[in-house]
Amino acid sequence: MVPEWTRDTGGVVEDLAAVAIGVLAATVTGTATHFGQEGASAVVQVVRERLGSTRRGQTALAELEAAPDDQRARGEAVTVLRREVREDPDLQRTLAMHLDTAMSQTTGSVTFHGSRVRGSQIALGSITINKPASTGAAVVLVAVVLVLVALIIYGAVNLVPDASADSGDEKKANPDTTVRALSAAETERMLPGLSDLPGKWTVDRPPFVEGSSKCHAGHVDYRGADGNGRSDVKLRFEVFACPNAQTAGEGFAALVKEQQNPAGYRESPYPAKKWGDQSAMASYTYEDSELADPSQVGQHLMARARAGTVVFQMHYGPNRDLPDFEQRAEELVRMMCERARAAQASS
């Protein structure tokens, strides 16, 4: 499936999950007062019920309510709820309706750490916004306000990487680097074949590329050929060739934040060497009691990296006392970064 960040979804209202989690966090801390109490309560109830329907959601909800000002807890809750919103149009409509209700119920004055909604205007410091009359515009406005409020209350968050700073560092580290957009055919050629991989592998899912409104998305899956059936090592590459480095940087940030892995388990940061312009590695573990396929029990690594206009993520595992497991994973990331660089440098 092509990730949401590669699509032109258009507008902050698409991310209702972040707005709804903001309402829940503000309600828990009491930092938002008299803001459409009935509508806000409905949002909180929907969020709690939906998060409470899965084990990961229950954990995320408990951690958020215990520490609503913790950015990691907020990020995890948003990630879980965002998946639910994407898969359930009814949930999306319900949240939009309740958020609009919260906005339309607002009367008098509402204060958020010095910013206030009064009558038909919203004032955030020196910025004043007129409250729209239409339902659709109100939903967009409440989304914008809540996102701004979240930034004010919980501190600034890098929702979009600093493209100018990143570009400067990239030029210093790689003065001769070519950065350009790749075609769909170039994206497919960039995916590694069996002869490009160290060790013995078989093709589990052949390379293919699918289009989206922003980035070409390529995929390929491999399985270790020397597996003994008790530990079948799998290797998956997902590559996104974007129109520019800024979009790729945004994609890298989204991949790291969303933590999409084959199991859907929570990941933990994993120390590793840095490759390309940006990279990060995380791990998660299959437990015997949680998986029907015993060949996948063990530690798995998820690596994400960006090289110029290309961003990718890699799944590698499980680790059953494999020699140089981390080193092999890092070498695979290095290989992909080099392939991305070479593809952008070729004419």
Protein backbone atom coordinates (compact mmCIF):
# COMPACT_ATOMS: atom_id res chain seq x y z
CA MET A 1 0.00 0.00 0.00
CA VAL A 2 1.31 3.45 -0.91
CA PRO A 3 1.84 5.51 2.30
CA GLU A 4 -0.43 8.48 2.87
CA TRP A 5 2.47 10.96 2.85
CA THR A 6 3.10 10.22 -0.85
CA ARG A 7 -0.41 11.40 -1.75
CA ASP A 8 -1.70 14.94 -2.25
CA THR A 9 -4.41 14.70 0.42
CA GLY A 10 -4.76 18.46 0.71
CA GLY A 11 -5.19 20.17 4.07
CA VAL A 12 -4.77 19.74 7.80
CA VAL A 13 -8.33 18.43 8.13
CA GLU A 14 -7.09 15.14 6.63
CA ASP A 15 -5.14 14.50 9.83
CA LEU A 16 -8.12 14.30 12.13
CA ALA A 17 -6.23 11.85 14.34
CA ALA A 18 -3.69 14.46 15.43
CA VAL A 19 -6.46 16.96 16.13
CA ALA A 20 -8.53 14.46 18.11
CA ILE A 21 -5.54 13.38 20.20
CA GLY A 22 -4.86 17.07 20.82
CA VAL A 23 -8.39 17.45 22.20
CA LEU A 24 -7.92 14.42 24.46
CA ALA A 25 -4.54 15.66 25.74
CA ALA A 26 -5.89 19.16 26.38
CA THR A 27 -8.87 17.69 28.22
CA VAL A 28 -6.65 15.55 30.43
CA THR A 29 -4.39 18.47 31.35
CA GLY A 30 -7.23 20.96 31.67
CA THR A 31 -5.40 23.44 29.43
CA ALA A 32 -8.47 23.98 27.23
CA THR A 33 -11.47 25.37 29.09
CA HIS A 34 -15.06 25.92 27.95
CA PHE A 35 -14.25 24.78 24.43
CA GLY A 36 -17.46 23.20 23.18
CA GLN A 37 -17.74 20.89 26.16
CA GLU A 38 -20.32 18.56 24.61
CA GLY A 39 -18.48 18.21 21.31
CA ALA A 40 -15.09 17.86 22.99
CA SER A 41 -16.47 15.20 25.32
CA ALA A 42 -17.82 13.31 22.32
CA VAL A 43 -14.40 13.46 20.63
CA VAL A 44 -12.71 12.16 23.79
CA GLN A 45 -15.23 9.33 24.11
CA VAL A 46 -14.77 8.25 20.48
CA VAL A 47 -10.99 8.35 20.80
CA ARG A 48 -10.94 6.37 24.03
CA GLU A 49 -13.31 3.73 22.68
CA ARG A 50 -11.38 3.29 19.44
CA LEU A 51 -7.95 3.16 21.08
CA GLY A 52 -9.31 0.77 23.68
CA SER A 53 -10.31 -1.74 20.99
CA THR A 54 -6.72 -2.97 20.41
CA ARG A 55 -3.86 -3.91 22.70
CA ARG A 56 -1.51 -1.36 21.14
CA GLY A 57 -4.22 1.28 21.38
CA GLN A 58 -4.86 0.49 25.05
CA THR A 59 -1.16 0.91 25.82
CA ALA A 60 -0.99 4.17 23.86
CA LEU A 61 -4.09 5.54 25.61
CA ALA A 62 -2.79 4.65 29.06
CA GLU A 63 0.57 6.29 28.40
CA LEU A 64 -1.04 9.42 26.94
CA GLU A 65 -3.39 9.87 29.86
CA ALA A 66 -0.53 9.29 32.31
CA ALA A 67 1.72 11.82 30.55
CA PRO A 68 -0.31 13.99 28.15
CA ASP A 69 2.57 16.45 27.72
CA ASP A 70 4.98 13.72 26.57
CA GLN A 71 5.61 14.01 22.83
CA ARG A 72 6.45 10.32 22.41
CA ALA A 73 3.19 9.28 24.06
CA ARG A 74 1.24 11.75 21.90
CA GLY A 75 3.00 10.55 18.75
CA GLU A 76 2.22 6.90 19.49
CA ALA A 77 -1.46 7.68 20.14
CA VAL A 78 -1.71 9.68 16.91
CA THR A 79 -0.06 6.86 14.94
CA VAL A 80 -2.53 4.26 16.24
CA LEU A 81 -5.60 6.46 15.75
CA ARG A 82 -4.46 7.61 12.30
CA ARG A 83 -4.50 4.01 11.08
CA GLU A 84 -8.02 3.58 12.40
CA VAL A 85 -9.19 6.79 10.70
CA ARG A 86 -7.68 5.78 7.36
CA GLU A 87 -9.38 2.38 7.44
CA ASP A 88 -12.77 3.55 8.72
CA PRO A 89 -14.56 6.33 6.79
CA ASP A 90 -17.34 6.34 9.41
CA LEU A 91 -14.81 7.14 12.12
CA GLN A 92 -13.43 9.97 9.99
CA ARG A 93 -16.89 11.45 9.53
CA THR A 94 -17.72 11.04 13.23
CA LEU A 95 -14.58 12.83 14.38
CA ALA A 96 -15.11 15.64 11.86
CA MET A 97 -18.71 16.05 13.02
CA HIS A 98 -17.81 16.18 16.72
CA LEU A 99 -14.92 18.58 16.11
CA ASP A 100 -17.27 20.84 14.19
CA THR A 101 -19.77 20.61 17.06
CA ALA A 102 -17.05 21.59 19.51
CA MET A 103 -16.33 24.64 17.38
CA SER A 104 -19.93 25.68 16.89
CA GLN A 105 -20.67 25.34 20.63
CA THR A 106 -17.94 27.82 21.51
CA THR A 107 -19.41 30.95 23.11
CA GLY A 108 -17.93 33.83 25.01
CA SER A 109 -14.20 33.41 25.58
CA VAL A 110 -11.94 30.38 25.42
CA THR A 111 -8.37 30.68 26.65
CA PHE A 112 -5.39 28.53 25.66
CA HIS A 113 -2.30 29.79 27.51
CA GLY A 114 -2.90 33.37 26.47
CA SER A 115 -4.60 32.73 23.14
CA ARG A 116 -8.35 33.14 23.06
CA VAL A 117 -11.49 32.60 21.02
CA ARG A 118 -13.95 35.48 21.49
CA GLY A 119 -17.22 35.72 19.61
CA SER A 120 -16.48 35.29 15.91
CA GLN A 121 -12.71 35.79 16.19
CA ILE A 122 -9.76 33.70 17.30
CA ALA A 123 -6.68 35.49 18.58
CA LEU A 124 -3.32 33.73 18.85
CA GLY A 125 -0.90 36.32 20.13
CA SER A 126 -0.77 39.00 17.44
CA ILE A 127 -2.72 36.84 14.94
CA THR A 128 -6.49 37.19 14.67
CA ILE A 129 -8.59 34.76 12.61
CA ASN A 130 -12.25 35.31 11.77
CA LYS A 131 -14.43 32.34 12.58
CA PRO A 132 -16.13 31.08 9.38
CA ALA A 133 -19.83 30.43 9.12
CA SER A 134 -19.80 27.24 7.04
CA THR A 135 -19.46 23.80 8.63
CA GLY A 136 -16.64 22.64 6.37
CA ALA A 137 -14.58 25.76 6.92
CA ALA A 138 -15.13 25.52 10.67
CA VAL A 139 -13.73 21.99 10.73
CA VAL A 140 -10.61 23.16 8.93
CA LEU A 141 -10.28 26.12 11.27
CA VAL A 142 -10.65 24.10 14.44
CA ALA A 143 -7.99 21.71 13.11
CA VAL A 144 -5.61 24.59 12.49
CA VAL A 145 -6.30 26.13 15.89
CA LEU A 146 -5.83 22.87 17.77
CA VAL A 147 -2.59 22.11 15.98
CA LEU A 148 -1.31 25.60 16.82
CA VAL A 149 -2.47 25.22 20.39
CA ALA A 150 -0.70 21.87 20.66
CA LEU A 151 2.50 23.53 19.54
CA ILE A 152 2.02 26.32 22.09
CA ILE A 153 1.16 23.99 24.97
CA TYR A 154 3.49 21.10 24.34
CA GLY A 155 6.39 22.86 22.62
CA ALA A 156 7.46 23.12 19.01
CA VAL A 157 7.60 19.86 17.06
CA ASN A 158 9.38 19.26 13.74
CA LEU A 159 6.33 18.26 11.69
CA VAL A 160 8.28 19.08 8.51
CA PRO A 161 12.08 18.92 8.36
CA ASP A 162 14.06 22.12 7.88
CA ALA A 163 14.72 21.77 4.17
CA SER A 164 17.15 24.67 3.95
CA ALA A 165 19.30 23.44 6.83
CA ASP A 166 19.23 19.88 5.54
CA SER A 167 20.25 20.96 2.07
CA GLY A 168 23.16 22.94 3.45
CA ASP A 169 24.48 20.02 5.50
CA GLU A 170 23.99 17.72 2.54
CA LYS A 171 26.08 19.94 0.27
CA LYS A 172 28.87 20.18 2.84
CA ALA A 173 28.99 16.41 3.34
CA ASN A 174 28.51 15.56 -0.33
CA PRO A 175 29.72 18.50 -2.44
CA ASP A 176 29.53 16.52 -5.70
CA THR A 177 26.18 14.84 -4.98
CA THR A 178 23.58 14.86 -7.74
CA VAL A 179 20.02 15.28 -6.49
CA ARG A 180 17.26 14.77 -9.03
CA ALA A 181 13.89 13.06 -9.40
CA LEU A 182 13.86 9.49 -10.71
CA SER A 183 11.42 8.00 -13.20
CA ALA A 184 9.37 4.90 -12.43
CA ALA A 185 11.75 2.81 -14.56
CA GLU A 186 14.79 4.18 -12.71
CA THR A 187 13.09 3.44 -9.41
CA GLU A 188 12.56 -0.19 -10.41
CA ARG A 189 16.18 -0.56 -11.57
CA MET A 190 17.34 0.81 -8.23
CA LEU A 191 15.70 -2.08 -6.34
CA PRO A 192 18.41 -4.68 -5.59
CA GLY A 193 18.41 -8.06 -7.32
CA LEU A 194 19.66 -11.39 -6.00
CA SER A 195 23.15 -10.73 -7.37
CA ASP A 196 23.30 -7.44 -5.43
CA LEU A 197 22.67 -9.02 -2.03
CA PRO A 198 25.31 -10.57 0.23
CA GLY A 199 24.52 -14.14 1.23
CA LYS A 200 21.97 -16.57 -0.15
CA TRP A 201 18.44 -15.37 -0.85
CA THR A 202 15.36 -16.36 -2.82
CA VAL A 203 12.70 -14.00 -4.20
CA ASP A 204 9.60 -13.91 -2.02
CA ARG A 205 7.91 -11.09 -3.94
CA PRO A 206 9.45 -9.81 -7.18
CA PRO A 207 10.29 -6.12 -7.66
CA PHE A 208 7.47 -3.85 -8.77
CA VAL A 209 6.71 -0.14 -8.81
CA GLU A 210 3.36 1.57 -8.25
CA GLY A 211 2.55 5.19 -8.81
CA SER A 212 1.10 7.84 -6.54
CA SER A 213 0.47 11.56 -6.85
CA LYS A 214 3.90 12.43 -5.43
CA CYS A 215 6.49 9.63 -5.34
CA HIS A 216 7.15 6.43 -7.28
CA ALA A 217 6.90 3.52 -4.81
CA GLY A 218 8.96 0.37 -5.35
CA HIS A 219 8.83 -2.90 -3.38
CA VAL A 220 10.73 -6.19 -3.27
CA ASP A 221 10.79 -9.07 -0.74
CA TYR A 222 13.45 -11.74 -0.21
CA ARG A 223 13.76 -14.80 2.02
CA GLY A 224 16.99 -16.33 3.29
CA ALA A 225 17.82 -19.40 1.15
CA ASP A 226 19.81 -21.12 3.89
CA GLY A 227 17.00 -21.01 6.46
CA ASN A 228 16.31 -24.19 8.41
CA GLY A 229 12.58 -23.64 8.79
CA ARG A 230 12.93 -22.62 12.42
CA SER A 231 14.18 -19.13 11.54
CA ASP A 232 13.35 -17.85 8.06
CA VAL A 233 15.13 -14.52 7.65
CA LYS A 234 13.14 -12.07 5.55
CA LEU A 235 14.31 -8.92 3.81
CA ARG A 236 11.94 -6.26 2.47
CA PHE A 237 12.75 -2.99 0.74
CA GLU A 238 10.20 -0.21 0.21
CA VAL A 239 11.61 2.63 -1.88
CA PHE A 240 10.00 6.01 -2.63
CA ALA A 241 11.51 8.16 -5.37
CA CYS A 242 10.25 11.70 -4.80
CA PRO A 243 10.21 14.85 -6.97
CA ASN A 244 12.65 16.69 -4.69
CA ALA A 245 14.76 16.32 -1.54
CA GLN A 246 12.27 18.26 0.61
CA THR A 247 9.44 15.82 -0.16
CA ALA A 248 11.81 12.93 0.50
CA GLY A 249 12.78 14.52 3.82
CA GLU A 250 9.12 14.81 4.77
CA GLY A 251 8.68 11.17 3.77
CA PHE A 252 11.61 10.08 5.94
CA ALA A 253 10.11 11.91 8.92
CA ALA A 254 6.73 10.27 8.28
CA LEU A 255 8.23 6.77 8.04
CA VAL A 256 10.12 7.23 11.30
CA LYS A 257 7.05 8.64 13.04
CA GLU A 258 4.50 6.13 11.76
CA GLN A 259 6.63 3.04 12.54
CA GLN A 260 4.99 0.84 9.92
CA ASN A 261 6.35 -2.70 10.30
CA PRO A 262 5.00 -6.09 9.15
CA ALA A 263 3.79 -6.98 12.65
CA GLY A 264 2.30 -3.62 13.57
CA TYR A 265 4.22 -3.80 16.87
CA ARG A 266 5.71 -0.86 18.73
CA GLU A 267 9.33 -0.26 17.86
CA SER A 268 12.26 0.74 20.04
CA PRO A 269 15.19 2.89 18.86
CA TYR A 270 18.21 0.80 17.89
CA PRO A 271 21.72 2.30 17.80
CA ALA A 272 23.40 2.00 14.40
CA LYS A 273 25.75 3.80 12.04
CA LYS A 274 24.35 6.69 10.02
CA TRP A 275 24.09 6.39 6.24
CA GLY A 276 22.92 8.73 3.50
CA ASP A 277 21.56 12.15 4.39
CA GLN A 278 19.26 10.84 7.12
CA SER A 279 18.88 7.41 8.68
CA ALA A 280 17.39 5.72 11.72
CA MET A 281 17.07 2.14 12.90
CA ALA A 282 14.54 0.57 15.26
CA SER A 283 13.74 -2.93 16.47
CA TYR A 284 10.71 -4.94 17.52
CA THR A 285 10.32 -8.50 18.77
CA TYR A 286 7.89 -11.29 17.95
CA GLU A 287 7.00 -13.31 21.03
CA ASP A 288 6.06 -17.01 20.93
CA SER A 289 2.67 -16.33 22.44
CA GLU A 290 1.83 -13.64 19.89
CA LEU A 291 2.55 -15.29 16.55
CA ALA A 292 1.24 -18.38 14.80
CA ASP A 293 4.33 -18.61 12.56
CA PRO A 294 7.20 -19.81 14.80
CA SER A 295 9.77 -19.13 12.07
CA GLN A 296 9.38 -15.38 12.68
CA VAL A 297 9.85 -15.38 16.46
CA GLY A 298 12.75 -13.18 17.47
CA GLN A 299 14.17 -9.70 16.96
CA HIS A 300 13.47 -7.76 13.75
CA LEU A 301 15.10 -4.54 12.57
CA MET A 302 13.45 -1.68 10.70
CA ALA A 303 15.79 0.79 8.99
CA ARG A 304 14.76 4.06 7.33
CA ALA A 305 17.04 6.32 5.32
CA ARG A 306 17.10 9.13 2.77
CA ALA A 307 19.62 9.79 0.03
CA GLY A 308 18.79 12.89 -1.99
CA THR A 309 15.31 12.52 -3.46
CA VAL A 310 14.99 8.85 -2.46
CA VAL A 311 13.68 7.62 0.88
CA PHE A 312 13.30 3.97 1.81
CA GLN A 313 12.62 1.60 4.65
CA MET A 314 13.95 -1.92 5.14
CA HIS A 315 12.69 -4.85 7.21
CA TYR A 316 15.29 -7.46 8.24
CA GLY A 317 14.76 -10.39 10.59
CA PRO A 318 14.31 -12.35 12.71
CA ASN A 319 17.62 -12.56 14.51
CA ARG A 320 18.24 -16.01 16.00
CA ASP A 321 21.84 -15.55 17.08
CA LEU A 322 22.84 -14.78 13.49
CA PRO A 323 26.50 -13.68 13.24
CA ASP A 324 26.99 -9.97 12.57
CA PHE A 325 23.23 -9.37 12.41
CA GLU A 326 23.48 -5.62 13.02
CA GLN A 327 26.49 -5.25 10.72
CA ARG A 328 24.63 -7.01 7.91
CA ALA A 329 21.65 -4.71 8.35
CA GLU A 330 23.85 -1.62 8.26
CA GLU A 331 25.61 -2.86 5.13
CA LEU A 332 22.26 -3.33 3.42
CA VAL A 333 21.29 0.25 4.31
CA ARG A 334 24.64 1.50 3.00
CA MET A 335 24.11 -0.46 -0.23
CA MET A 336 20.67 1.06 -0.77
CA CYS A 337 21.96 4.59 -0.14
CA GLU A 338 24.74 4.02 -2.67
CA ARG A 339 22.26 2.66 -5.23
CA ALA A 340 20.04 5.72 -4.69
CA ARG A 341 23.02 8.05 -5.16
CA ALA A 342 24.16 6.20 -8.28
CA ALA A 343 20.64 6.31 -9.78
CA GLN A 344 20.42 10.08 -9.27
CA ALA A 345 23.92 10.62 -10.69
CA SER A 346 23.24 8.67 -13.89
CA SER A 347 21.72 10.46 -16.87
